[in-house]
Amino acid sequence: MRTRVVGVLAAGMMAIPSGRAGADKEEGFLRVTPDEVVWTERPGYEGVQFATLAGDPSKPGIYVIRAKFSPGRMTRPHWHPEDRHVIVVSGTWYTGEGDTFDPGKTVPLKAGSYMKHPARAHHYDGAKEEEVVVQIVGYGPSGTTLVHPDQGHTGSSLGK
């Protein structure tokens, strides 16, 4: 049975640092330097941190978030209700498709690479040897549904 985790990507990622250019305006320019990104920990995502740069993934509209994977951390098979556009900011991001978690069958994408995650497509991804940062753009509301809820959200790429 699939368990729907509604808005799981939005929870805990809503921090936008105050004092940033455009942060207090509905419209206008928004500039975010790497040292202004506010990373948050989330229960169930050990070894993965999240940051919201623009928008609100839990509401209708465009959002921009980042995910930072510690070395050896990958998500378990899951899907999202919306298309997502992902750019690898740093490191090599490993991506897999399907319902079976198999890090050995992932495709490596170096910094600067782009990948589209189609809506409802089952996938898993993360880091192997080095830290990885990806930037994700989508149109909310977002959510995450685990294919195998009993396995949790993340695990070691070398583990089960």
N, C-alpha and C. Protein backbone atom coordinates (compact mmCIF):
# COMPACT_ATOMS: atom_id res chain seq x y z
N MET A 1 0.85 -1.19 0.00
CA MET A 1 0.00 0.00 0.00
C MET A 1 0.88 1.23 0.00
N ARG A 2 0.58 2.15 -0.85
CA ARG A 2 1.37 3.37 -0.93
C ARG A 2 0.85 4.39 0.05
N THR A 3 1.76 5.03 0.72
CA THR A 3 1.41 6.06 1.68
C THR A 3 1.72 7.42 1.07
N ARG A 4 0.77 8.29 1.08
CA ARG A 4 0.96 9.63 0.52
C ARG A 4 1.52 10.54 1.60
N VAL A 5 2.63 11.15 1.32
CA VAL A 5 3.23 12.11 2.24
C VAL A 5 3.03 13.47 1.60
N VAL A 6 1.93 14.12 1.96
CA VAL A 6 1.55 15.37 1.31
C VAL A 6 2.44 16.51 1.81
N GLY A 7 2.98 17.20 0.85
CA GLY A 7 3.78 18.38 1.17
C GLY A 7 5.05 18.09 1.92
N VAL A 8 5.56 16.87 1.85
CA VAL A 8 6.73 16.53 2.64
C VAL A 8 7.95 17.35 2.22
N LEU A 9 8.02 17.71 0.96
CA LEU A 9 9.14 18.54 0.53
C LEU A 9 8.99 19.97 0.99
N ALA A 10 7.76 20.38 1.24
CA ALA A 10 7.54 21.75 1.68
C ALA A 10 7.80 21.91 3.17
N ALA A 11 7.50 20.90 3.94
CA ALA A 11 7.65 21.01 5.40
C ALA A 11 9.10 21.23 5.77
N GLY A 12 9.34 22.24 6.54
CA GLY A 12 10.68 22.49 7.02
C GLY A 12 11.59 23.17 6.03
N MET A 13 11.10 23.53 4.85
CA MET A 13 11.96 24.15 3.86
C MET A 13 11.56 25.58 3.57
N MET A 14 10.73 26.16 4.38
CA MET A 14 10.16 27.45 4.05
C MET A 14 11.01 28.63 4.51
N ALA A 15 12.16 28.38 5.09
CA ALA A 15 12.97 29.48 5.61
C ALA A 15 13.64 30.25 4.48
N ILE A 16 13.31 31.52 4.38
CA ILE A 16 14.00 32.41 3.46
C ILE A 16 14.63 33.49 4.33
N PRO A 17 15.93 33.63 4.25
CA PRO A 17 16.59 34.57 5.16
C PRO A 17 16.08 35.99 4.99
N SER A 18 15.83 36.66 6.11
CA SER A 18 15.38 38.04 6.04
C SER A 18 16.56 38.93 5.69
N GLY A 19 16.27 40.10 5.15
CA GLY A 19 17.32 41.03 4.79
C GLY A 19 17.89 40.77 3.41
N ARG A 20 17.48 39.72 2.77
CA ARG A 20 17.94 39.42 1.43
C ARG A 20 17.23 40.33 0.44
N ALA A 21 17.90 40.72 -0.61
CA ALA A 21 17.29 41.60 -1.60
C ALA A 21 16.03 40.97 -2.16
N GLY A 22 14.92 41.68 -2.07
CA GLY A 22 13.66 41.20 -2.63
C GLY A 22 12.90 40.23 -1.74
N ALA A 23 13.45 39.83 -0.61
CA ALA A 23 12.81 38.82 0.23
C ALA A 23 11.49 39.31 0.81
N ASP A 24 11.33 40.62 0.97
CA ASP A 24 10.11 41.14 1.58
C ASP A 24 9.12 41.68 0.55
N LYS A 25 9.37 41.42 -0.73
CA LYS A 25 8.50 41.92 -1.78
C LYS A 25 7.80 40.77 -2.48
N GLU A 26 6.54 40.98 -2.83
CA GLU A 26 5.78 39.99 -3.58
C GLU A 26 6.37 39.84 -4.98
N GLU A 27 6.73 40.97 -5.59
CA GLU A 27 7.33 40.96 -6.91
C GLU A 27 8.64 41.72 -6.84
N GLY A 28 9.50 41.45 -7.77
CA GLY A 28 10.76 42.17 -7.80
C GLY A 28 11.93 41.20 -7.89
N PHE A 29 13.09 41.76 -7.90
CA PHE A 29 14.29 40.96 -8.00
C PHE A 29 14.57 40.23 -6.70
N LEU A 30 15.07 39.03 -6.83
CA LEU A 30 15.48 38.24 -5.66
C LEU A 30 16.86 37.71 -5.96
N ARG A 31 17.79 38.01 -5.09
CA ARG A 31 19.16 37.55 -5.26
C ARG A 31 19.53 36.73 -4.03
N VAL A 32 20.12 35.58 -4.26
CA VAL A 32 20.54 34.70 -3.16
C VAL A 32 21.96 34.24 -3.43
N THR A 33 22.86 34.59 -2.56
CA THR A 33 24.24 34.12 -2.68
C THR A 33 24.37 32.81 -1.91
N PRO A 34 25.37 32.00 -2.23
CA PRO A 34 25.51 30.71 -1.55
C PRO A 34 25.54 30.81 -0.02
N ASP A 35 26.16 31.87 0.52
CA ASP A 35 26.24 31.99 1.98
C ASP A 35 24.91 32.44 2.60
N GLU A 36 23.92 32.82 1.80
CA GLU A 36 22.61 33.21 2.31
C GLU A 36 21.60 32.06 2.32
N VAL A 37 21.97 30.94 1.72
CA VAL A 37 21.05 29.80 1.68
C VAL A 37 20.90 29.22 3.09
N VAL A 38 19.65 29.06 3.52
CA VAL A 38 19.35 28.53 4.85
C VAL A 38 18.97 27.05 4.69
N TRP A 39 19.85 26.17 5.14
CA TRP A 39 19.62 24.72 5.05
C TRP A 39 18.89 24.24 6.28
N THR A 40 17.94 23.33 6.10
CA THR A 40 17.19 22.78 7.22
C THR A 40 17.26 21.26 7.22
N GLU A 41 17.28 20.70 8.40
CA GLU A 41 17.21 19.24 8.59
C GLU A 41 15.74 18.87 8.67
N ARG A 42 15.42 17.67 8.21
CA ARG A 42 14.04 17.19 8.33
C ARG A 42 14.03 15.77 8.81
N PRO A 43 13.18 15.45 9.75
CA PRO A 43 13.08 14.06 10.23
C PRO A 43 12.78 13.11 9.08
N GLY A 44 13.44 11.98 9.07
CA GLY A 44 13.23 10.98 8.03
C GLY A 44 14.14 11.15 6.83
N TYR A 45 14.84 12.26 6.78
CA TYR A 45 15.75 12.53 5.66
C TYR A 45 17.17 12.70 6.18
N GLU A 46 17.63 11.76 6.97
CA GLU A 46 18.97 11.84 7.53
C GLU A 46 19.99 11.93 6.41
N GLY A 47 20.89 12.89 6.52
CA GLY A 47 21.93 13.06 5.52
C GLY A 47 21.52 13.90 4.33
N VAL A 48 20.29 14.45 4.36
CA VAL A 48 19.82 15.32 3.28
C VAL A 48 19.28 16.60 3.92
N GLN A 49 19.71 17.74 3.42
CA GLN A 49 19.20 19.02 3.89
C GLN A 49 18.47 19.71 2.75
N PHE A 50 17.55 20.61 3.11
CA PHE A 50 16.74 21.30 2.12
C PHE A 50 16.75 22.80 2.37
N ALA A 51 16.54 23.55 1.30
CA ALA A 51 16.41 25.01 1.40
C ALA A 51 15.41 25.47 0.34
N THR A 52 14.57 26.41 0.71
CA THR A 52 13.65 27.03 -0.25
C THR A 52 14.24 28.37 -0.64
N LEU A 53 14.41 28.57 -1.95
CA LEU A 53 14.96 29.83 -2.44
C LEU A 53 13.86 30.79 -2.86
N ALA A 54 12.78 30.27 -3.42
CA ALA A 54 11.68 31.13 -3.88
C ALA A 54 10.40 30.31 -3.91
N GLY A 55 9.28 30.98 -3.71
CA GLY A 55 7.99 30.32 -3.75
C GLY A 55 7.73 29.49 -2.51
N ASP A 56 6.69 28.69 -2.59
CA ASP A 56 6.29 27.83 -1.48
C ASP A 56 5.80 26.51 -2.09
N PRO A 57 6.59 25.43 -1.95
CA PRO A 57 6.22 24.16 -2.58
C PRO A 57 4.88 23.59 -2.12
N SER A 58 4.35 24.06 -1.00
CA SER A 58 3.08 23.53 -0.50
C SER A 58 1.88 24.25 -1.11
N LYS A 59 2.12 25.32 -1.89
CA LYS A 59 1.04 26.11 -2.46
C LYS A 59 1.12 26.13 -3.98
N PRO A 60 0.01 26.46 -4.65
CA PRO A 60 0.07 26.58 -6.10
C PRO A 60 1.06 27.67 -6.52
N GLY A 61 1.82 27.38 -7.53
CA GLY A 61 2.79 28.35 -8.06
C GLY A 61 4.17 27.75 -8.20
N ILE A 62 5.02 28.52 -8.86
CA ILE A 62 6.40 28.07 -9.09
C ILE A 62 7.18 28.16 -7.79
N TYR A 63 8.02 27.15 -7.57
CA TYR A 63 8.94 27.15 -6.42
C TYR A 63 10.33 26.77 -6.90
N VAL A 64 11.33 27.19 -6.12
CA VAL A 64 12.72 26.82 -6.36
C VAL A 64 13.28 26.36 -5.03
N ILE A 65 13.75 25.12 -4.98
CA ILE A 65 14.33 24.57 -3.76
C ILE A 65 15.69 23.96 -4.08
N ARG A 66 16.46 23.72 -3.06
CA ARG A 66 17.72 22.99 -3.19
C ARG A 66 17.71 21.83 -2.21
N ALA A 67 18.38 20.77 -2.62
CA ALA A 67 18.60 19.61 -1.76
C ALA A 67 20.09 19.34 -1.73
N LYS A 68 20.61 19.09 -0.53
CA LYS A 68 22.04 18.79 -0.35
C LYS A 68 22.16 17.40 0.26
N PHE A 69 22.80 16.50 -0.47
CA PHE A 69 22.99 15.12 -0.05
C PHE A 69 24.39 14.93 0.49
N SER A 70 24.50 14.37 1.69
CA SER A 70 25.80 14.00 2.24
C SER A 70 26.33 12.80 1.46
N PRO A 71 27.66 12.60 1.43
CA PRO A 71 28.20 11.44 0.74
C PRO A 71 27.55 10.14 1.22
N GLY A 72 27.18 9.29 0.27
CA GLY A 72 26.60 7.99 0.60
C GLY A 72 25.13 8.00 0.94
N ARG A 73 24.43 9.12 0.75
CA ARG A 73 23.00 9.20 1.08
C ARG A 73 22.17 9.30 -0.18
N MET A 74 21.15 8.46 -0.26
CA MET A 74 20.25 8.45 -1.41
C MET A 74 18.82 8.31 -0.92
N THR A 75 17.90 8.87 -1.71
CA THR A 75 16.49 8.70 -1.39
C THR A 75 16.04 7.32 -1.85
N ARG A 76 15.01 6.81 -1.24
CA ARG A 76 14.40 5.55 -1.65
C ARG A 76 13.40 5.84 -2.78
N PRO A 77 12.96 4.82 -3.53
CA PRO A 77 12.03 5.08 -4.63
C PRO A 77 10.78 5.84 -4.17
N HIS A 78 10.47 6.89 -4.94
CA HIS A 78 9.34 7.76 -4.63
C HIS A 78 8.90 8.46 -5.91
N TRP A 79 7.84 9.26 -5.77
CA TRP A 79 7.37 10.07 -6.89
C TRP A 79 6.73 11.35 -6.39
N HIS A 80 6.56 12.31 -7.31
CA HIS A 80 5.97 13.61 -7.02
C HIS A 80 4.81 13.85 -7.98
N PRO A 81 3.80 14.62 -7.56
CA PRO A 81 2.64 14.83 -8.41
C PRO A 81 2.89 15.77 -9.59
N GLU A 82 3.98 16.53 -9.54
CA GLU A 82 4.25 17.52 -10.58
C GLU A 82 5.56 17.23 -11.29
N ASP A 83 5.70 17.75 -12.52
CA ASP A 83 6.99 17.71 -13.20
C ASP A 83 7.98 18.51 -12.37
N ARG A 84 9.24 18.05 -12.37
CA ARG A 84 10.30 18.78 -11.67
C ARG A 84 11.49 18.90 -12.60
N HIS A 85 12.12 20.05 -12.54
CA HIS A 85 13.30 20.32 -13.36
C HIS A 85 14.48 20.49 -12.41
N VAL A 86 15.49 19.65 -12.60
CA VAL A 86 16.60 19.58 -11.65
C VAL A 86 17.91 19.92 -12.35
N ILE A 87 18.69 20.80 -11.72
CA ILE A 87 20.03 21.14 -12.19
C ILE A 87 21.00 20.76 -11.08
N VAL A 88 22.07 20.07 -11.45
CA VAL A 88 23.10 19.71 -10.49
C VAL A 88 24.00 20.94 -10.30
N VAL A 89 24.02 21.45 -9.07
CA VAL A 89 24.80 22.64 -8.74
C VAL A 89 26.25 22.26 -8.45
N SER A 90 26.43 21.19 -7.66
CA SER A 90 27.79 20.75 -7.34
C SER A 90 27.81 19.25 -7.08
N GLY A 91 28.95 18.64 -7.33
CA GLY A 91 29.11 17.21 -7.12
C GLY A 91 28.56 16.41 -8.29
N THR A 92 28.52 15.09 -8.09
CA THR A 92 27.92 14.18 -9.08
C THR A 92 26.71 13.55 -8.45
N TRP A 93 25.56 13.77 -9.06
CA TRP A 93 24.27 13.28 -8.58
C TRP A 93 23.95 11.99 -9.30
N TYR A 94 23.55 10.98 -8.57
CA TYR A 94 23.23 9.68 -9.14
C TYR A 94 21.72 9.49 -9.15
N THR A 95 21.18 9.14 -10.34
CA THR A 95 19.74 9.05 -10.51
C THR A 95 19.34 7.67 -11.01
N GLY A 96 18.29 7.14 -10.41
CA GLY A 96 17.77 5.84 -10.82
C GLY A 96 16.27 5.93 -11.06
N GLU A 97 15.77 5.01 -11.88
CA GLU A 97 14.35 4.98 -12.21
C GLU A 97 13.76 3.65 -11.79
N GLY A 98 12.49 3.68 -11.39
CA GLY A 98 11.77 2.46 -11.08
C GLY A 98 11.47 2.28 -9.62
N ASP A 99 10.90 1.11 -9.30
CA ASP A 99 10.43 0.81 -7.95
C ASP A 99 11.46 0.10 -7.08
N THR A 100 12.54 -0.38 -7.68
CA THR A 100 13.55 -1.14 -6.94
C THR A 100 14.79 -0.28 -6.72
N PHE A 101 15.17 -0.10 -5.46
CA PHE A 101 16.34 0.68 -5.11
C PHE A 101 17.59 -0.11 -5.48
N ASP A 102 18.36 0.39 -6.45
CA ASP A 102 19.58 -0.28 -6.89
C ASP A 102 20.62 0.77 -7.27
N PRO A 103 21.43 1.24 -6.30
CA PRO A 103 22.42 2.28 -6.57
C PRO A 103 23.39 1.91 -7.70
N GLY A 104 23.61 0.61 -7.93
CA GLY A 104 24.50 0.18 -8.99
C GLY A 104 23.97 0.47 -10.39
N LYS A 105 22.68 0.75 -10.52
CA LYS A 105 22.08 1.02 -11.82
C LYS A 105 21.76 2.51 -12.02
N THR A 106 22.33 3.36 -11.18
CA THR A 106 22.06 4.79 -11.32
C THR A 106 22.92 5.40 -12.41
N VAL A 107 22.46 6.54 -12.92
CA VAL A 107 23.17 7.29 -13.95
C VAL A 107 23.80 8.51 -13.28
N PRO A 108 25.13 8.69 -13.42
CA PRO A 108 25.78 9.86 -12.82
C PRO A 108 25.58 11.11 -13.65
N LEU A 109 25.26 12.21 -12.98
CA LEU A 109 25.12 13.51 -13.63
C LEU A 109 26.05 14.50 -12.92
N LYS A 110 27.01 15.04 -13.64
CA LYS A 110 27.98 15.98 -13.07
C LYS A 110 27.37 17.37 -12.91
N ALA A 111 28.06 18.23 -12.17
CA ALA A 111 27.63 19.62 -11.99
C ALA A 111 27.38 20.27 -13.34
N GLY A 112 26.27 20.99 -13.43
CA GLY A 112 25.86 21.63 -14.67
C GLY A 112 24.85 20.82 -15.45
N SER A 113 24.64 19.55 -15.06
CA SER A 113 23.69 18.69 -15.77
C SER A 113 22.25 19.06 -15.41
N TYR A 114 21.34 18.69 -16.31
CA TYR A 114 19.91 18.93 -16.14
C TYR A 114 19.16 17.61 -16.28
N MET A 115 18.09 17.44 -15.49
CA MET A 115 17.22 16.28 -15.62
C MET A 115 15.79 16.71 -15.34
N LYS A 116 14.87 16.19 -16.15
CA LYS A 116 13.45 16.40 -15.89
C LYS A 116 12.92 15.15 -15.22
N HIS A 117 12.22 15.33 -14.09
CA HIS A 117 11.48 14.26 -13.44
C HIS A 117 10.03 14.43 -13.85
N PRO A 118 9.51 13.56 -14.70
CA PRO A 118 8.10 13.69 -15.08
C PRO A 118 7.18 13.42 -13.87
N ALA A 119 6.04 14.06 -13.86
CA ALA A 119 5.06 13.85 -12.79
C ALA A 119 4.77 12.35 -12.64
N ARG A 120 4.74 11.91 -11.41
CA ARG A 120 4.40 10.53 -11.02
C ARG A 120 5.41 9.46 -11.45
N ALA A 121 6.54 9.86 -12.01
CA ALA A 121 7.56 8.88 -12.42
C ALA A 121 8.32 8.40 -11.18
N HIS A 122 8.43 7.11 -11.00
CA HIS A 122 9.11 6.53 -9.85
C HIS A 122 10.62 6.65 -10.04
N HIS A 123 11.30 7.14 -9.00
CA HIS A 123 12.73 7.37 -9.09
C HIS A 123 13.37 7.40 -7.70
N TYR A 124 14.70 7.39 -7.69
CA TYR A 124 15.51 7.55 -6.48
C TYR A 124 16.79 8.25 -6.90
N ASP A 125 17.45 8.91 -5.98
CA ASP A 125 18.62 9.69 -6.35
C ASP A 125 19.42 10.07 -5.12
N GLY A 126 20.62 10.58 -5.36
CA GLY A 126 21.44 11.04 -4.25
C GLY A 126 22.92 11.07 -4.57
N ALA A 127 23.70 10.94 -3.50
CA ALA A 127 25.16 11.08 -3.59
C ALA A 127 25.84 9.75 -3.30
N LYS A 128 27.00 9.57 -3.88
CA LYS A 128 27.83 8.40 -3.57
C LYS A 128 29.09 8.86 -2.85
N GLU A 129 30.13 9.26 -3.60
CA GLU A 129 31.42 9.56 -2.99
C GLU A 129 31.56 10.96 -2.42
N GLU A 130 30.76 11.91 -2.88
CA GLU A 130 30.94 13.31 -2.49
C GLU A 130 29.60 13.97 -2.21
N GLU A 131 29.65 15.10 -1.52
CA GLU A 131 28.43 15.88 -1.28
C GLU A 131 27.88 16.37 -2.62
N VAL A 132 26.55 16.41 -2.72
CA VAL A 132 25.88 16.85 -3.93
C VAL A 132 24.81 17.88 -3.59
N VAL A 133 24.74 18.93 -4.39
CA VAL A 133 23.68 19.92 -4.26
C VAL A 133 22.94 19.99 -5.59
N VAL A 134 21.61 19.88 -5.53
CA VAL A 134 20.77 20.02 -6.72
C VAL A 134 19.76 21.13 -6.48
N GLN A 135 19.37 21.79 -7.56
CA GLN A 135 18.34 22.81 -7.50
C GLN A 135 17.13 22.29 -8.26
N ILE A 136 15.96 22.38 -7.64
CA ILE A 136 14.73 21.82 -8.19
C ILE A 136 13.72 22.93 -8.40
N VAL A 137 13.14 22.96 -9.60
CA VAL A 137 12.10 23.92 -9.93
C VAL A 137 10.84 23.14 -10.31
N GLY A 138 9.73 23.54 -9.73
CA GLY A 138 8.47 22.88 -10.03
C GLY A 138 7.32 23.84 -9.84
N TYR A 139 6.12 23.33 -10.10
CA TYR A 139 4.90 24.11 -9.90
C TYR A 139 4.07 23.37 -8.87
N GLY A 140 3.91 23.96 -7.68
CA GLY A 140 3.22 23.32 -6.58
C GLY A 140 1.71 23.35 -6.73
N PRO A 141 1.02 22.70 -5.81
CA PRO A 141 1.61 22.12 -4.61
C PRO A 141 2.36 20.83 -4.89
N SER A 142 3.45 20.68 -4.15
CA SER A 142 4.31 19.52 -4.29
C SER A 142 4.00 18.49 -3.21
N GLY A 143 4.57 17.35 -3.37
CA GLY A 143 4.44 16.29 -2.38
C GLY A 143 5.36 15.15 -2.76
N THR A 144 5.52 14.22 -1.86
CA THR A 144 6.34 13.03 -2.11
C THR A 144 5.57 11.81 -1.66
N THR A 145 5.53 10.80 -2.50
CA THR A 145 4.91 9.53 -2.16
C THR A 145 5.98 8.45 -2.26
N LEU A 146 6.21 7.76 -1.16
CA LEU A 146 7.17 6.66 -1.17
C LEU A 146 6.55 5.44 -1.84
N VAL A 147 7.33 4.76 -2.66
CA VAL A 147 6.86 3.54 -3.30
C VAL A 147 6.79 2.41 -2.29
N HIS A 148 7.78 2.35 -1.39
CA HIS A 148 7.84 1.35 -0.32
C HIS A 148 7.97 2.08 1.02
N PRO A 149 6.87 2.52 1.62
CA PRO A 149 6.92 3.34 2.83
C PRO A 149 7.69 2.71 3.99
N ASP A 150 7.72 1.38 4.05
CA ASP A 150 8.40 0.70 5.14
C ASP A 150 9.92 0.89 5.09
N GLN A 151 10.48 1.35 3.96
CA GLN A 151 11.91 1.54 3.83
C GLN A 151 12.35 2.93 4.25
N GLY A 152 11.44 3.84 4.47
CA GLY A 152 11.80 5.20 4.85
C GLY A 152 12.22 6.02 3.64
N HIS A 153 12.58 7.29 3.89
CA HIS A 153 12.92 8.22 2.81
C HIS A 153 14.34 8.07 2.30
N THR A 154 15.32 7.90 3.22
CA THR A 154 16.71 7.84 2.80
C THR A 154 17.41 6.65 3.41
N GLY A 155 18.52 6.32 2.83
CA GLY A 155 19.36 5.27 3.35
C GLY A 155 20.73 5.37 2.75
N SER A 156 21.67 4.64 3.26
CA SER A 156 23.02 4.64 2.73
C SER A 156 23.02 3.99 1.36
N SER A 157 23.78 4.55 0.43
CA SER A 157 23.86 3.97 -0.91
C SER A 157 24.55 2.61 -0.86
N LEU A 158 25.25 2.33 0.20
CA LEU A 158 25.93 1.04 0.33
C LEU A 158 25.10 0.06 1.14
N GLY A 159 24.02 0.54 1.74
CA GLY A 159 23.19 -0.31 2.60
C GLY A 159 22.07 -0.98 1.82
N LYS A 160 21.10 -1.49 2.57
CA LYS A 160 19.99 -2.28 2.01
C LYS A 160 19.29 -1.66 0.86
